[in-house]
Amino acid sequence: MDAYELTIGELKERLSVYPDDTKILFSGGLTFYRLKNWGDDEVVFEFNEAQAALPDAFKKANPHVKVAFIDPAAGDWDENGTTGVVDASIR
């Protein structure tokens, strides 16, 4: 298991110290959408914000950026759930 993975057991253990009515917030303004099964032994947390496809040149110039999410209000989304260019530059 790599450093970015967490088992359901580990997550349950970490959350066990909190009452059931404690709110969970995701930093960066992400909003939870659903849990999705990803194979027999993996679950993915999905968010309402779409993940941006980062060009190789951007990733090379910004190796510290692991992922970028797009605010749903940031673009003109078509019926397939895609949008045009959204500025993801880092200043």
PDB file of N, CA and C in Angstrom:
ATOM      1  N   MET A   1       0.851  -1.172   0.000  1.00  0.00           N
ATOM      2  CA  MET A   1       0.000   0.000   0.000  1.00  0.00           C
ATOM      3  C   MET A   1       0.897   1.235   0.000  1.00  0.00           C
ATOM      4  N   ASP A   2       0.566   2.228  -0.853  1.00  0.00           N
ATOM      5  CA  ASP A   2       1.413   3.418  -0.885  1.00  0.00           C
ATOM      6  C   ASP A   2       0.944   4.451   0.143  1.00  0.00           C
ATOM      7  N   ALA A   3       1.694   5.529   0.270  1.00  0.00           N
ATOM      8  CA  ALA A   3       1.455   6.530   1.316  1.00  0.00           C
ATOM      9  C   ALA A   3       0.111   7.240   1.176  1.00  0.00           C
ATOM     10  N   TYR A   4      -0.507   7.173   0.009  1.00  0.00           N
ATOM     11  CA  TYR A   4      -1.761   7.886  -0.212  1.00  0.00           C
ATOM     12  C   TYR A   4      -2.987   6.990  -0.061  1.00  0.00           C
ATOM     13  N   GLU A   5      -2.767   5.736   0.277  1.00  0.00           N
ATOM     14  CA  GLU A   5      -3.880   4.808   0.438  1.00  0.00           C
ATOM     15  C   GLU A   5      -4.272   4.700   1.907  1.00  0.00           C
ATOM     16  N   LEU A   6      -5.526   4.376   2.113  1.00  0.00           N
ATOM     17  CA  LEU A   6      -6.074   4.231   3.448  1.00  0.00           C
ATOM     18  C   LEU A   6      -7.108   3.122   3.378  1.00  0.00           C
ATOM     19  N   THR A   7      -7.058   2.173   4.302  1.00  0.00           N
ATOM     20  CA  THR A   7      -8.058   1.104   4.285  1.00  0.00           C
ATOM     21  C   THR A   7      -9.332   1.577   4.986  1.00  0.00           C
ATOM     22  N   ILE A   8     -10.438   0.890   4.719  1.00  0.00           N
ATOM     23  CA  ILE A   8     -11.695   1.196   5.398  1.00  0.00           C
ATOM     24  C   ILE A   8     -11.508   1.046   6.910  1.00  0.00           C
ATOM     25  N   GLY A   9     -10.785   0.016   7.334  1.00  0.00           N
ATOM     26  CA  GLY A   9     -10.528  -0.195   8.758  1.00  0.00           C
ATOM     27  C   GLY A   9      -9.787   0.981   9.381  1.00  0.00           C
ATOM     28  N   GLU A  10      -8.760   1.484   8.682  1.00  0.00           N
ATOM     29  CA  GLU A  10      -8.007   2.635   9.190  1.00  0.00           C
ATOM     30  C   GLU A  10      -8.886   3.882   9.258  1.00  0.00           C
ATOM     31  N   LEU A  11      -9.722   4.076   8.247  1.00  0.00           N
ATOM     32  CA  LEU A  11     -10.624   5.229   8.244  1.00  0.00           C
ATOM     33  C   LEU A  11     -11.620   5.139   9.398  1.00  0.00           C
ATOM     34  N   LYS A  12     -12.207   3.957   9.593  1.00  0.00           N
ATOM     35  CA  LYS A  12     -13.148   3.754  10.706  1.00  0.00           C
ATOM     36  C   LYS A  12     -12.471   4.040  12.051  1.00  0.00           C
ATOM     37  N   GLU A  13     -11.236   3.558  12.190  1.00  0.00           N
ATOM     38  CA  GLU A  13     -10.514   3.768  13.442  1.00  0.00           C
ATOM     39  C   GLU A  13     -10.278   5.256  13.688  1.00  0.00           C
ATOM     40  N   ARG A  14      -9.865   5.971  12.672  1.00  0.00           N
ATOM     41  CA  ARG A  14      -9.608   7.406  12.819  1.00  0.00           C
ATOM     42  C   ARG A  14     -10.885   8.185  13.110  1.00  0.00           C
ATOM     43  N   LEU A  15     -12.011   7.728  12.543  1.00  0.00           N
ATOM     44  CA  LEU A  15     -13.279   8.427  12.759  1.00  0.00           C
ATOM     45  C   LEU A  15     -13.972   8.008  14.056  1.00  0.00           C
ATOM     46  N   SER A  16     -13.543   6.908  14.662  1.00  0.00           N
ATOM     47  CA  SER A  16     -14.231   6.370  15.833  1.00  0.00           C
ATOM     48  C   SER A  16     -14.205   7.300  17.041  1.00  0.00           C
ATOM     49  N   VAL A  17     -13.308   8.255  17.069  1.00  0.00           N
ATOM     50  CA  VAL A  17     -13.214   9.176  18.208  1.00  0.00           C
ATOM     51  C   VAL A  17     -14.250  10.303  18.127  1.00  0.00           C
ATOM     52  N   TYR A  18     -14.971  10.389  17.004  1.00  0.00           N
ATOM     53  CA  TYR A  18     -15.941  11.462  16.808  1.00  0.00           C
ATOM     54  C   TYR A  18     -17.366  10.949  16.953  1.00  0.00           C
ATOM     55  N   PRO A  19     -18.264  11.777  17.501  1.00  0.00           N
ATOM     56  CA  PRO A  19     -19.673  11.381  17.565  1.00  0.00           C
ATOM     57  C   PRO A  19     -20.259  11.227  16.158  1.00  0.00           C
ATOM     58  N   ASP A  20     -21.322  10.426  16.039  1.00  0.00           N
ATOM     59  CA  ASP A  20     -21.941  10.154  14.734  1.00  0.00           C
ATOM     60  C   ASP A  20     -22.463  11.404  14.036  1.00  0.00           C
ATOM     61  N   ASP A  21     -22.782  12.454  14.783  1.00  0.00           N
ATOM     62  CA  ASP A  21     -23.340  13.657  14.156  1.00  0.00           C
ATOM     63  C   ASP A  21     -22.280  14.713  13.819  1.00  0.00           C
ATOM     64  N   THR A  22     -20.997  14.356  13.930  1.00  0.00           N
ATOM     65  CA  THR A  22     -19.913  15.275  13.573  1.00  0.00           C
ATOM     66  C   THR A  22     -19.873  15.446  12.053  1.00  0.00           C
ATOM     67  N   LYS A  23     -19.813  16.693  11.605  1.00  0.00           N
ATOM     68  CA  LYS A  23     -19.760  16.980  10.170  1.00  0.00           C
ATOM     69  C   LYS A  23     -18.361  16.728   9.624  1.00  0.00           C
ATOM     70  N   ILE A  24     -18.300  16.249   8.392  1.00  0.00           N
ATOM     71  CA  ILE A  24     -17.034  16.056   7.686  1.00  0.00           C
ATOM     72  C   ILE A  24     -16.982  17.098   6.574  1.00  0.00           C
ATOM     73  N   LEU A  25     -15.916  17.889   6.564  1.00  0.00           N
ATOM     74  CA  LEU A  25     -15.709  18.896   5.526  1.00  0.00           C
ATOM     75  C   LEU A  25     -14.455  18.534   4.737  1.00  0.00           C
ATOM     76  N   PHE A  26     -14.452  18.839   3.458  1.00  0.00           N
ATOM     77  CA  PHE A  26     -13.289  18.576   2.617  1.00  0.00           C
ATOM     78  C   PHE A  26     -12.624  19.905   2.282  1.00  0.00           C
ATOM     79  N   SER A  27     -11.330  20.006   2.564  1.00  0.00           N
ATOM     80  CA  SER A  27     -10.624  21.256   2.311  1.00  0.00           C
ATOM     81  C   SER A  27     -10.606  21.575   0.824  1.00  0.00           C
ATOM     82  N   GLY A  28     -10.394  22.816   0.524  1.00  0.00           N
ATOM     83  CA  GLY A  28     -10.346  23.252  -0.865  1.00  0.00           C
ATOM     84  C   GLY A  28     -11.708  23.513  -1.463  1.00  0.00           C
ATOM     85  N   GLY A  29     -12.759  23.432  -0.655  1.00  0.00           N
ATOM     86  CA  GLY A  29     -14.098  23.713  -1.158  1.00  0.00           C
ATOM     87  C   GLY A  29     -14.739  22.567  -1.913  1.00  0.00           C
ATOM     88  N   LEU A  30     -14.182  21.365  -1.826  1.00  0.00           N
ATOM     89  CA  LEU A  30     -14.770  20.226  -2.522  1.00  0.00           C
ATOM     90  C   LEU A  30     -16.057  19.799  -1.836  1.00  0.00           C
ATOM     91  N   THR A  31     -17.013  19.347  -2.640  1.00  0.00           N
ATOM     92  CA  THR A  31     -18.278  18.867  -2.110  1.00  0.00           C
ATOM     93  C   THR A  31     -18.436  17.390  -2.456  1.00  0.00           C
ATOM     94  N   PHE A  32     -18.714  16.587  -1.432  1.00  0.00           N
ATOM     95  CA  PHE A  32     -18.832  15.143  -1.587  1.00  0.00           C
ATOM     96  C   PHE A  32     -20.002  14.788  -2.509  1.00  0.00           C
ATOM     97  N   TYR A  33     -19.783  13.822  -3.404  1.00  0.00           N
ATOM     98  CA  TYR A  33     -20.828  13.340  -4.309  1.00  0.00           C
ATOM     99  C   TYR A  33     -21.253  11.919  -3.932  1.00  0.00           C
ATOM    100  N   ARG A  34     -20.293  10.981  -3.947  1.00  0.00           N
ATOM    101  CA  ARG A  34     -20.638   9.593  -3.645  1.00  0.00           C
ATOM    102  C   ARG A  34     -19.377   8.759  -3.438  1.00  0.00           C
ATOM    103  N   LEU A  35     -19.592   7.547  -2.935  1.00  0.00           N
ATOM    104  CA  LEU A  35     -18.550   6.528  -2.884  1.00  0.00           C
ATOM    105  C   LEU A  35     -18.810   5.581  -4.050  1.00  0.00           C
ATOM    106  N   LYS A  36     -17.764   5.203  -4.749  1.00  0.00           N
ATOM    107  CA  LYS A  36     -17.924   4.334  -5.916  1.00  0.00           C
ATOM    108  C   LYS A  36     -16.986   3.135  -5.777  1.00  0.00           C
ATOM    109  N   ASN A  37     -17.537   1.935  -5.972  1.00  0.00           N
ATOM    110  CA  ASN A  37     -16.700   0.742  -5.960  1.00  0.00           C
ATOM    111  C   ASN A  37     -15.747   0.789  -7.143  1.00  0.00           C
ATOM    112  N   TRP A  38     -14.480   0.486  -6.861  1.00  0.00           N
ATOM    113  CA  TRP A  38     -13.445   0.518  -7.883  1.00  0.00           C
ATOM    114  C   TRP A  38     -12.693  -0.795  -7.777  1.00  0.00           C
ATOM    115  N   GLY A  39     -13.262  -1.816  -8.356  1.00  0.00           N
ATOM    116  CA  GLY A  39     -12.672  -3.141  -8.225  1.00  0.00           C
ATOM    117  C   GLY A  39     -13.209  -3.835  -6.996  1.00  0.00           C
ATOM    118  N   ASP A  40     -12.690  -5.018  -6.722  1.00  0.00           N
ATOM    119  CA  ASP A  40     -13.177  -5.827  -5.613  1.00  0.00           C
ATOM    120  C   ASP A  40     -12.767  -5.306  -4.242  1.00  0.00           C
ATOM    121  N   ASP A  41     -11.649  -4.580  -4.186  1.00  0.00           N
ATOM    122  CA  ASP A  41     -11.154  -4.174  -2.873  1.00  0.00           C
ATOM    123  C   ASP A  41     -10.771  -2.698  -2.802  1.00  0.00           C
ATOM    124  N   GLU A  42     -11.434  -1.867  -3.606  1.00  0.00           N
ATOM    125  CA  GLU A  42     -11.159  -0.433  -3.588  1.00  0.00           C
ATOM    126  C   GLU A  42     -12.457   0.358  -3.692  1.00  0.00           C
ATOM    127  N   VAL A  43     -12.482   1.492  -3.005  1.00  0.00           N
ATOM    128  CA  VAL A  43     -13.599   2.429  -3.052  1.00  0.00           C
ATOM    129  C   VAL A  43     -13.016   3.808  -3.344  1.00  0.00           C
ATOM    130  N   VAL A  44     -13.681   4.574  -4.190  1.00  0.00           N
ATOM    131  CA  VAL A  44     -13.231   5.912  -4.552  1.00  0.00           C
ATOM    132  C   VAL A  44     -14.221   6.936  -4.009  1.00  0.00           C
ATOM    133  N   PHE A  45     -13.706   7.969  -3.344  1.00  0.00           N
ATOM    134  CA  PHE A  45     -14.529   9.110  -2.957  1.00  0.00           C
ATOM    135  C   PHE A  45     -14.629  10.012  -4.179  1.00  0.00           C
ATOM    136  N   GLU A  46     -15.845  10.325  -4.603  1.00  0.00           N
ATOM    137  CA  GLU A  46     -16.042  11.223  -5.738  1.00  0.00           C
ATOM    138  C   GLU A  46     -16.615  12.544  -5.244  1.00  0.00           C
ATOM    139  N   PHE A  47     -16.275  13.607  -5.955  1.00  0.00           N
ATOM    140  CA  PHE A  47     -16.715  14.944  -5.597  1.00  0.00           C
ATOM    141  C   PHE A  47     -17.531  15.542  -6.737  1.00  0.00           C
ATOM    142  N   ASN A  48     -18.345  16.559  -6.428  1.00  0.00           N
ATOM    143  CA  ASN A  48     -19.157  17.212  -7.456  1.00  0.00           C
ATOM    144  C   ASN A  48     -18.309  17.969  -8.469  1.00  0.00           C
ATOM    145  N   GLU A  49     -17.126  18.395  -8.063  1.00  0.00           N
ATOM    146  CA  GLU A  49     -16.253  19.148  -8.943  1.00  0.00           C
ATOM    147  C   GLU A  49     -15.520  18.198  -9.889  1.00  0.00           C
ATOM    148  N   ALA A  50     -15.521  18.528 -11.148  1.00  0.00           N
ATOM    149  CA  ALA A  50     -14.843  17.682 -12.137  1.00  0.00           C
ATOM    150  C   ALA A  50     -13.329  17.815 -11.994  1.00  0.00           C
ATOM    151  N   GLN A  51     -12.635  16.715 -12.245  1.00  0.00           N
ATOM    152  CA  GLN A  51     -11.182  16.740 -12.220  1.00  0.00           C
ATOM    153  C   GLN A  51     -10.678  17.261 -13.545  1.00  0.00           C
ATOM    154  N   ALA A  52      -9.774  18.237 -13.500  1.00  0.00           N
ATOM    155  CA  ALA A  52      -9.223  18.824 -14.718  1.00  0.00           C
ATOM    156  C   ALA A  52      -8.160  17.914 -15.314  1.00  0.00           C
ATOM    157  N   ALA A  53      -8.128  17.836 -16.628  1.00  0.00           N
ATOM    158  CA  ALA A  53      -7.059  17.131 -17.332  1.00  0.00           C
ATOM    159  C   ALA A  53      -5.906  18.120 -17.485  1.00  0.00           C
ATOM    160  N   LEU A  54      -4.789  17.851 -16.827  1.00  0.00           N
ATOM    161  CA  LEU A  54      -3.662  18.770 -16.857  1.00  0.00           C
ATOM    162  C   LEU A  54      -2.688  18.369 -17.958  1.00  0.00           C
ATOM    163  N   PRO A  55      -2.339  19.308 -18.834  1.00  0.00           N
ATOM    164  CA  PRO A  55      -1.380  19.000 -19.904  1.00  0.00           C
ATOM    165  C   PRO A  55      -0.009  18.632 -19.332  1.00  0.00           C
ATOM    166  N   ASP A  56       0.740  17.817 -20.049  1.00  0.00           N
ATOM    167  CA  ASP A  56       2.062  17.388 -19.594  1.00  0.00           C
ATOM    168  C   ASP A  56       2.972  18.571 -19.296  1.00  0.00           C
ATOM    169  N   ALA A  57       2.915  19.622 -20.121  1.00  0.00           N
ATOM    170  CA  ALA A  57       3.764  20.799 -19.903  1.00  0.00           C
ATOM    171  C   ALA A  57       3.429  21.459 -18.565  1.00  0.00           C
ATOM    172  N   PHE A  58       2.146  21.504 -18.216  1.00  0.00           N
ATOM    173  CA  PHE A  58       1.729  22.073 -16.928  1.00  0.00           C
ATOM    174  C   PHE A  58       2.252  21.219 -15.785  1.00  0.00           C
ATOM    175  N   LYS A  59       2.098  19.889 -15.890  1.00  0.00           N
ATOM    176  CA  LYS A  59       2.556  18.994 -14.829  1.00  0.00           C
ATOM    177  C   LYS A  59       4.076  19.070 -14.651  1.00  0.00           C
ATOM    178  N   LYS A  60       4.801  19.216 -15.749  1.00  0.00           N
ATOM    179  CA  LYS A  60       6.254  19.318 -15.671  1.00  0.00           C
ATOM    180  C   LYS A  60       6.667  20.628 -15.006  1.00  0.00           C
ATOM    181  N   ALA A  61       5.984  21.721 -15.334  1.00  0.00           N
ATOM    182  CA  ALA A  61       6.300  23.021 -14.752  1.00  0.00           C
ATOM    183  C   ALA A  61       5.811  23.152 -13.315  1.00  0.00           C
ATOM    184  N   ASN A  62       4.844  22.335 -12.924  1.00  0.00           N
ATOM    185  CA  ASN A  62       4.236  22.414 -11.592  1.00  0.00           C
ATOM    186  C   ASN A  62       4.155  21.023 -10.962  1.00  0.00           C
ATOM    187  N   PRO A  63       5.291  20.381 -10.684  1.00  0.00           N
ATOM    188  CA  PRO A  63       5.268  19.006 -10.186  1.00  0.00           C
ATOM    189  C   PRO A  63       4.589  18.858  -8.823  1.00  0.00           C
ATOM    190  N   HIS A  64       4.412  19.948  -8.110  1.00  0.00           N
ATOM    191  CA  HIS A  64       3.769  19.912  -6.802  1.00  0.00           C
ATOM    192  C   HIS A  64       2.247  19.834  -6.904  1.00  0.00           C
ATOM    193  N   VAL A  65       1.694  20.060  -8.079  1.00  0.00           N
ATOM    194  CA  VAL A  65       0.243  19.989  -8.280  1.00  0.00           C
ATOM    195  C   VAL A  65      -0.113  18.552  -8.629  1.00  0.00           C
ATOM    196  N   LYS A  66      -0.871  17.891  -7.758  1.00  0.00           N
ATOM    197  CA  LYS A  66      -1.252  16.496  -7.973  1.00  0.00           C
ATOM    198  C   LYS A  66      -2.543  16.393  -8.766  1.00  0.00           C
ATOM    199  N   VAL A  67      -3.496  17.275  -8.476  1.00  0.00           N
ATOM    200  CA  VAL A  67      -4.788  17.230  -9.147  1.00  0.00           C
ATOM    201  C   VAL A  67      -5.417  18.621  -9.080  1.00  0.00           C
ATOM    202  N   ALA A  68      -6.226  18.927 -10.052  1.00  0.00           N
ATOM    203  CA  ALA A  68      -6.978  20.184 -10.048  1.00  0.00           C
ATOM    204  C   ALA A  68      -8.445  19.853 -10.281  1.00  0.00           C
ATOM    205  N   PHE A  69      -9.314  20.511  -9.541  1.00  0.00           N
ATOM    206  CA  PHE A  69     -10.747  20.324  -9.692  1.00  0.00           C
ATOM    207  C   PHE A  69     -11.358  21.594 -10.261  1.00  0.00           C
ATOM    208  N   ILE A  70     -12.385  21.446 -11.069  1.00  0.00           N
ATOM    209  CA  ILE A  70     -13.047  22.573 -11.718  1.00  0.00           C
ATOM    210  C   ILE A  70     -14.373  22.848 -11.032  1.00  0.00           C
ATOM    211  N   ASP A  71     -14.581  24.095 -10.647  1.00  0.00           N
ATOM    212  CA  ASP A  71     -15.865  24.512 -10.086  1.00  0.00           C
ATOM    213  C   ASP A  71     -16.925  24.294 -11.156  1.00  0.00           C
ATOM    214  N   PRO A  72     -18.032  23.630 -10.835  1.00  0.00           N
ATOM    215  CA  PRO A  72     -19.070  23.379 -11.840  1.00  0.00           C
ATOM    216  C   PRO A  72     -19.592  24.648 -12.516  1.00  0.00           C
ATOM    217  N   ALA A  73     -19.469  25.788 -11.846  1.00  0.00           N
ATOM    218  CA  ALA A  73     -19.950  27.048 -12.422  1.00  0.00           C
ATOM    219  C   ALA A  73     -18.907  27.709 -13.337  1.00  0.00           C
ATOM    220  N   ALA A  74     -17.732  27.093 -13.479  1.00  0.00           N
ATOM    221  CA  ALA A  74     -16.631  27.730 -14.201  1.00  0.00           C
ATOM    222  C   ALA A  74     -16.692  27.579 -15.712  1.00  0.00           C
ATOM    223  N   GLY A  75     -17.537  26.722 -16.224  1.00  0.00           N
ATOM    224  CA  GLY A  75     -17.527  26.521 -17.666  1.00  0.00           C
ATOM    225  C   GLY A  75     -18.905  26.250 -18.224  1.00  0.00           C
ATOM    226  N   ASP A  76     -18.969  26.219 -19.534  1.00  0.00           N
ATOM    227  CA  ASP A  76     -20.206  25.865 -20.233  1.00  0.00           C
ATOM    228  C   ASP A  76     -20.177  24.367 -20.498  1.00  0.00           C
ATOM    229  N   TRP A  77     -20.894  23.600 -19.693  1.00  0.00           N
ATOM    230  CA  TRP A  77     -20.881  22.147 -19.772  1.00  0.00           C
ATOM    231  C   TRP A  77     -21.855  21.674 -20.843  1.00  0.00           C
ATOM    232  N   ASP A  78     -21.438  20.712 -21.655  1.00  0.00           N
ATOM    233  CA  ASP A  78     -22.348  20.156 -22.658  1.00  0.00           C
ATOM    234  C   ASP A  78     -23.067  18.937 -22.084  1.00  0.00           C
ATOM    235  N   GLU A  79     -23.909  18.313 -22.892  1.00  0.00           N
ATOM    236  CA  GLU A  79     -24.704  17.181 -22.414  1.00  0.00           C
ATOM    237  C   GLU A  79     -23.854  15.962 -22.068  1.00  0.00           C
ATOM    238  N   ASN A  80     -22.591  15.925 -22.523  1.00  0.00           N
ATOM    239  CA  ASN A  80     -21.688  14.822 -22.205  1.00  0.00           C
ATOM    240  C   ASN A  80     -20.877  15.081 -20.937  1.00  0.00           C
ATOM    241  N   GLY A  81     -21.094  16.238 -20.313  1.00  0.00           N
ATOM    242  CA  GLY A  81     -20.361  16.561 -19.098  1.00  0.00           C
ATOM    243  C   GLY A  81     -18.973  17.112 -19.333  1.00  0.00           C
ATOM    244  N   THR A  82     -18.715  17.640 -20.534  1.00  0.00           N
ATOM    245  CA  THR A  82     -17.414  18.243 -20.810  1.00  0.00           C
ATOM    246  C   THR A  82     -17.580  19.755 -20.995  1.00  0.00           C
ATOM    247  N   THR A  83     -16.492  20.447 -20.791  1.00  0.00           N
ATOM    248  CA  THR A  83     -16.500  21.892 -20.933  1.00  0.00           C
ATOM    249  C   THR A  83     -15.291  22.311 -21.737  1.00  0.00           C
ATOM    250  N   GLY A  84     -15.295  23.549 -22.173  1.00  0.00           N
ATOM    251  CA  GLY A  84     -14.165  24.086 -22.915  1.00  0.00           C
ATOM    252  C   GLY A  84     -12.992  24.382 -21.994  1.00  0.00           C
ATOM    253  N   VAL A  85     -12.103  25.235 -22.446  1.00  0.00           N
ATOM    254  CA  VAL A  85     -10.900  25.578 -21.701  1.00  0.00           C
ATOM    255  C   VAL A  85     -11.268  26.348 -20.441  1.00  0.00           C
ATOM    256  N   VAL A  86     -10.677  25.937 -19.331  1.00  0.00           N
ATOM    257  CA  VAL A  86     -10.807  26.639 -18.056  1.00  0.00           C
ATOM    258  C   VAL A  86      -9.413  26.982 -17.598  1.00  0.00           C
ATOM    259  N   ASP A  87      -9.171  28.245 -17.245  1.00  0.00           N
ATOM    260  CA  ASP A  87      -7.843  28.679 -16.824  1.00  0.00           C
ATOM    261  C   ASP A  87      -7.442  28.024 -15.515  1.00  0.00           C
ATOM    262  N   ALA A  88      -6.373  27.256 -15.544  1.00  0.00           N
ATOM    263  CA  ALA A  88      -5.881  26.587 -14.339  1.00  0.00           C
ATOM    264  C   ALA A  88      -4.459  27.031 -14.021  1.00  0.00           C
ATOM    265  N   SER A  89      -4.114  28.239 -14.475  1.00  0.00           N
ATOM    266  CA  SER A  89      -2.751  28.720 -14.257  1.00  0.00           C
ATOM    267  C   SER A  89      -2.500  28.992 -12.776  1.00  0.00           C
ATOM    268  N   ILE A  90      -1.247  28.863 -12.399  1.00  0.00           N
ATOM    269  CA  ILE A  90      -0.840  29.117 -11.018  1.00  0.00           C
ATOM    270  C   ILE A  90      -0.031  30.407 -11.014  1.00  0.00           C
ATOM    271  N   ARG A  91      -0.399  31.288 -10.106  1.00  0.00           N
ATOM    272  CA  ARG A  91       0.295  32.578 -10.064  1.00  0.00           C
ATOM    273  C   ARG A  91       1.040  32.714  -8.769  1.00  0.00           C
TER     274      ARG A  91
END
